[in-house]
Amino acid sequence: MRKIDVCLSPDLIHLYELSGKAVVAVDIFRATSCMVTAFAHGAAEIVPVEQVDLCESYREKGYLVSAERNGITPEGFDFDNSPFSYQVEKVKGAKICVTTTNGTVAIRRSETAAALYVGAFLNISRVVEALKAWEGDALVVCAGWKGKPNLEDTLFAGAVIDLLTGQYEVADDAALMAWKNYNVAAKDLLTAVKNSSHVNRLLKLGIERDIAFCLEFDRYSVLPTWDGQRLIDTNL
């Protein structure tokens, strides 16, 4: 049977073999939730980068630009790191370059995988469909927070594993922990994450509605997929 594993932080990705695997990169609060929302509202492509200056330079290439560091957007960017920022008309047909504290790091460090998808609770069924169709092993790469694991990304990984029961078996203890934690939290994710460090950071920024939104299942049917240079929606 195929195996699925979980990398709890991009800083641990050197411990995993990406060759031949399908990788799902996730940053629930909030980068990958924003990307899924952007594609659902008509974005043409998204280029994730790790540096703010590099992101800003994409404006000269005709891109809209989005940046976040420590939950805050520097001045002069078109979007902040809220999914509600992408629910506007200018997203339709746009090329967007994005940099965030954690999420874009997870994506770029996963780009050598055989297949790379961007996941969120908002599109979890599309992620699961893609992994069911994949003929090899899979890995969920959690963005975490500055190299440390976080709860919400780990719970997403556990949810994916739960939905793939019978199709994949857990490869190691990280995947087993994610799955077990999700089984405990599944009935009320909002309550489960309320004392987490990232939620507390976001609450200090006054963006409670982002938290609830990012925990919604299957609001959108899109699947951001890395094509070697950018993310595109494979539904297009």
Foldseek 3Di string as FASTA:
>chain_A
DAAEEEAQALVCCVVDDQELAEEEEEDLQPALVLVQLLVLLAAFWEFEDADPVVQVVCVVVVAQEEEEELQDTDPDGQAYGFSVSNNDNVSHHGYYYYHYQFRSSQQVSNLVHPWYWYDFLQALVLVLVVVLPRPHYYYYYYRDGPGGGWLRSLLSLLVSVVVCVVSHHYDDVSSVVSVVLNVVCVVPVCVVCCPIPVNVSVVVVVPVVRSVVRNHHHNDHWIFIDPNGITGTPVD
